[in-house]
Protein backbone atom coordinates (compact mmCIF):
# COMPACT_ATOMS: atom_id res chain seq x y z
CA MET A 1 -3.06 6.16 32.78
CA LEU A 2 -2.34 7.12 29.17
CA ILE A 3 -0.76 3.79 28.27
CA PRO A 4 -4.12 2.16 27.33
CA ARG A 5 -4.83 5.02 24.93
CA SER A 6 -1.42 4.59 23.30
CA LEU A 7 -1.87 0.83 23.02
CA GLY A 8 -5.30 1.20 21.44
CA TRP A 9 -3.87 3.76 19.02
CA VAL A 10 -1.11 1.40 17.90
CA VAL A 11 -3.42 -1.60 17.48
CA THR A 12 -6.00 0.11 15.27
CA SER A 13 -3.32 1.99 13.32
CA ILE A 14 -1.81 -1.34 12.32
CA ILE A 15 -5.18 -2.90 11.52
CA SER A 16 -6.42 0.07 9.49
CA GLY A 17 -3.12 0.26 7.61
CA GLN A 18 -3.32 -3.39 6.64
CA VAL A 19 -6.94 -3.11 5.52
CA ILE A 20 -6.25 0.04 3.48
CA ASN A 21 -3.23 -1.61 1.85
CA ARG A 22 -5.33 -4.58 0.76
CA THR A 23 -8.55 -2.80 -0.25
CA GLY A 24 -7.41 0.69 -1.25
CA ARG A 25 -10.36 2.14 0.68
CA TYR A 26 -9.79 4.62 3.48
CA ARG A 27 -12.79 6.98 3.79
CA LEU A 28 -14.64 4.80 6.28
CA PHE A 29 -11.87 4.87 8.88
CA PRO A 30 -11.99 8.59 9.82
CA ILE A 31 -15.77 8.34 10.11
CA ALA A 32 -15.63 5.25 12.30
CA GLY A 33 -12.68 6.62 14.27
CA SER A 34 -14.39 9.93 15.03
CA ALA A 35 -17.48 8.06 16.22
CA VAL A 36 -15.37 5.85 18.50
CA VAL A 37 -13.50 8.85 19.95
CA ALA A 38 -16.83 10.59 20.58
CA ALA A 39 -18.06 7.50 22.40
CA GLY A 40 -14.92 7.49 24.55
CA PHE A 41 -15.31 11.13 25.55
CA TRP A 42 -18.99 10.57 26.29
CA LEU A 43 -17.99 7.79 28.66
CA LEU A 44 -15.52 10.13 30.36
CA THR A 45 -18.24 12.72 30.97
CA GLY A 46 -19.80 10.28 33.42
CA MET A 47 -16.61 9.88 35.46
CA THR A 48 -16.98 10.54 39.20
CA VAL A 49 -14.79 10.25 42.28
CA HIS A 50 -15.98 6.66 42.57
CA THR A 51 -14.87 5.68 39.05
CA SER A 52 -12.07 3.14 39.27
CA SER A 53 -8.72 3.54 37.54
CA LEU A 54 -9.44 0.37 35.56
CA THR A 55 -12.67 1.86 34.23
CA VAL A 56 -10.92 5.07 33.21
CA ALA A 57 -8.23 3.01 31.49
CA GLY A 58 -10.99 1.28 29.52
CA TYR A 59 -12.44 4.63 28.44
CA LEU A 60 -9.00 5.82 27.32
CA LEU A 61 -8.51 2.57 25.42
CA VAL A 62 -11.68 3.34 23.47
CA ILE A 63 -10.37 6.80 22.62
CA GLY A 64 -7.07 5.26 21.55
CA PHE A 65 -8.90 2.90 19.22
CA GLY A 66 -10.59 5.89 17.61
CA PHE A 67 -7.39 7.88 17.20
CA GLY A 68 -5.71 4.89 15.60
CA LEU A 69 -8.44 4.74 12.97
CA THR A 70 -8.24 8.46 12.26
CA VAL A 71 -4.94 10.28 12.66
CA GLN A 72 -2.67 8.48 10.19
CA VAL A 73 -5.47 7.98 7.70
CA TYR A 74 -5.86 11.74 7.32
CA VAL A 75 -2.14 11.99 6.57
CA LEU A 76 -2.56 9.26 3.94
CA ALA A 77 -5.55 11.07 2.43
CA VAL A 78 -3.55 14.29 2.14
CA GLN A 79 -0.60 12.51 0.55
CA ASN A 80 -2.89 10.78 -1.90
CA ALA A 81 -4.76 13.95 -2.89
CA VAL A 82 -1.89 16.27 -3.85
CA GLU A 83 0.57 16.28 -6.68
CA PRO A 84 4.07 14.94 -5.92
CA ARG A 85 5.55 18.42 -6.15
CA ASP A 86 3.18 19.62 -3.40
CA MET A 87 3.72 16.66 -1.07
CA GLY A 88 6.15 18.43 1.24
CA ILE A 89 4.04 21.53 1.83
CA ALA A 90 0.89 19.44 2.21
CA ILE A 91 2.36 17.25 4.97
CA ALA A 92 4.02 20.23 6.64
CA SER A 93 0.71 22.09 6.65
CA THR A 94 -1.03 19.07 8.17
CA GLN A 95 1.51 18.86 10.97
CA PHE A 96 1.44 22.63 11.52
CA PHE A 97 -2.31 22.87 11.91
CA ARG A 98 -2.36 19.75 14.07
CA SER A 99 0.24 21.31 16.37
CA MET A 100 -1.60 24.62 16.47
CA GLY A 101 -4.84 22.83 17.26
CA GLY A 102 -3.19 20.97 20.12
CA THR A 103 -1.70 24.18 21.51
CA PHE A 104 -4.99 26.07 21.44
CA ALA A 105 -6.84 23.07 22.87
CA VAL A 106 -4.48 22.77 25.85
CA ALA A 107 -4.87 26.49 26.58
CA ALA A 108 -8.65 26.49 26.17
CA PHE A 109 -9.32 23.31 28.14
CA GLY A 110 -6.87 24.41 30.83
CA SER A 111 -8.77 27.65 31.24
CA ILE A 112 -12.09 25.82 31.45
CA LEU A 113 -10.73 23.38 34.02
CA THR A 114 -9.10 26.04 36.19
CA SER A 115 -12.10 28.36 36.28
CA ARG A 116 -14.56 25.53 36.88
CA LEU A 117 -12.35 24.04 39.60
CA ALA A 118 -12.27 27.34 41.49
CA SER A 119 -16.05 27.49 41.34
CA GLU A 120 -16.48 23.87 42.46
CA LEU A 121 -14.04 24.32 45.35
CA SER A 122 -16.09 27.23 46.62
CA SER A 123 -19.25 25.15 46.28
CA HIS A 124 -17.88 22.07 48.08
CA LEU A 125 -15.61 23.68 50.67
CA GLY A 126 -17.20 27.04 51.35
CA ALA A 127 -14.86 29.44 53.14
CA ALA A 128 -12.19 26.73 53.35
CA ALA A 129 -11.76 26.98 49.57
CA SER A 130 -9.39 29.91 50.17
CA ARG A 131 -6.90 27.39 51.57
CA VAL A 132 -6.71 25.50 48.28
CA SER A 133 -5.02 26.88 45.16
CA PRO A 134 -6.58 25.52 41.93
CA GLN A 135 -3.37 26.20 39.99
CA ARG A 136 -1.18 24.39 42.51
CA LEU A 137 -3.62 21.51 42.69
CA LEU A 138 -3.56 21.04 38.91
CA GLN A 139 0.21 21.40 38.63
CA SER A 140 0.84 18.94 41.47
CA PRO A 141 -2.12 16.63 42.23
CA THR A 142 -0.16 15.11 45.13
CA ALA A 143 -0.64 18.42 46.90
CA ALA A 144 -4.14 17.20 47.78
CA HIS A 145 -2.58 14.65 50.15
CA GLN A 146 -1.05 17.49 52.14
CA LEU A 147 -4.44 19.04 52.86
CA PRO A 148 -6.37 18.44 56.07
CA ALA A 149 -8.33 15.19 55.92
CA ASN A 150 -11.68 17.01 56.15
CA LEU A 151 -10.91 18.84 52.88
CA VAL A 152 -9.65 15.97 50.75
CA ASP A 153 -13.07 14.54 49.84
CA GLY A 154 -14.34 17.97 48.84
CA VAL A 155 -11.28 18.61 46.69
CA ARG A 156 -11.68 15.28 44.89
CA ALA A 157 -15.37 15.93 44.26
CA SER A 158 -14.53 19.41 42.99
CA LEU A 159 -11.92 18.08 40.57
CA ALA A 160 -14.28 15.41 39.24
CA ALA A 161 -17.00 18.01 38.66
CA ALA A 162 -14.53 20.41 37.03
CA LEU A 163 -13.43 17.75 34.54
CA HIS A 164 -16.99 17.16 33.35
CA PRO A 165 -17.30 20.30 31.13
CA VAL A 166 -13.84 19.63 29.66
CA TYR A 167 -14.81 16.16 28.49
CA LEU A 168 -18.22 17.41 27.38
CA THR A 169 -16.54 20.05 25.23
CA CYS A 170 -14.26 17.39 23.76
CA PHE A 171 -17.34 15.30 22.98
CA VAL A 172 -19.01 18.17 21.10
CA ILE A 173 -15.84 18.95 19.14
CA THR A 174 -15.51 15.28 18.20
CA LEU A 175 -19.09 15.29 16.93
CA LEU A 176 -18.14 18.22 14.69
CA ALA A 177 -15.12 16.25 13.49
CA LEU A 178 -17.42 13.32 12.76
CA ALA A 179 -19.70 15.53 10.67
CA VAL A 180 -16.75 16.96 8.74
CA SER A 181 -15.28 13.50 8.13
CA PHE A 182 -18.26 12.69 5.91
CA LEU A 183 -16.99 15.37 3.50
CA LEU A 184 -13.75 13.46 2.89
CA LYS A 185 -13.53 12.31 -0.71
CA GLU A 186 -12.07 8.89 -1.37
CA LEU A 187 -9.62 8.97 -4.24
CA PRO A 188 -7.98 5.88 -5.75
CA LEU A 189 -4.74 5.15 -3.93
CA ARG A 190 -1.59 5.71 -5.92
CA SER A 191 0.23 2.55 -6.89
CA HIS A 192 3.63 4.24 -7.09
CA ALA A 193 5.77 6.58 -5.03
CA GLY A 194 5.46 10.31 -5.56
CA ILE A 195 9.17 10.67 -6.31
CA GLU A 196 8.81 8.16 -9.17
CA ALA A 197 5.98 10.17 -10.69
CA ALA A 198 7.95 13.39 -10.33
CA ARG A 199 10.92 11.87 -12.16
CA GLY A 200 8.82 10.11 -14.76
CA THR A 201 10.17 6.72 -13.71
CA VAL A 202 6.91 4.96 -12.86
CA PRO A 203 7.41 1.24 -13.52
CA THR A 204 5.16 -0.41 -16.09
CA ASP A 205 4.01 -4.02 -16.39
CA GLY A 206 6.34 -6.23 -18.40
C-alpha cells in the first residue's frame, strides 16, 4: 500500500531536482509540496470501509508527490544557507530533528488511534467489544479474520472511524507546515562545493 507513496516521492524528487539545477530557484517547492501533502491527507480523512484499495493508493500517491517536492529541498536549503564549516552540524541537526519528529508522531498518532479505536469498538459492538483487543487488532490486522462473522463488519467500521482523527490531525499539522514554508528565504544557490570554499580552491573562469 505504501509503494505508490514511494513512487510519487521518487518522481517529484527527480523533477524538482532537475528544475532547481536549471533555474536555481527552490522556495516554491516546499510551499507547493506542503499544499499537495495537505490535499492528500484531506482525501484520506474521507476514507471509509467502502473505499477501495486503488483509491487509497491514489491518495498515497498524492502524498508521495508532495513529499518529493519538500523533503530533499529543505536539506538543500539548509546546505545552501550555512557556511562550509557548519555544513556537518547543520545536516546532522536536520536529520536529528526529523527523526525526533517522526518518533513523537508515531507515539502521538498511535495513542490517538488506540484510544479512538477502543471507543469506536464500544459504539459499534456494544458489550461484544470486550472480546476484541484494540492493541492486538492494530499489531496484527489479520486477527480480525479470526473473529466471529457478526463482529467483523463492526470492527472494520470502528477502525475506519478511528483512523479519521489521525488523518485529520495530519492535515492540520501539514497546514501549519504550509504556513511556515512561506517563511523560507530563497538564497542564491552556490556554484561551487563547500569543501572548495573551505580550502580556498574555488575555480575561476579562464
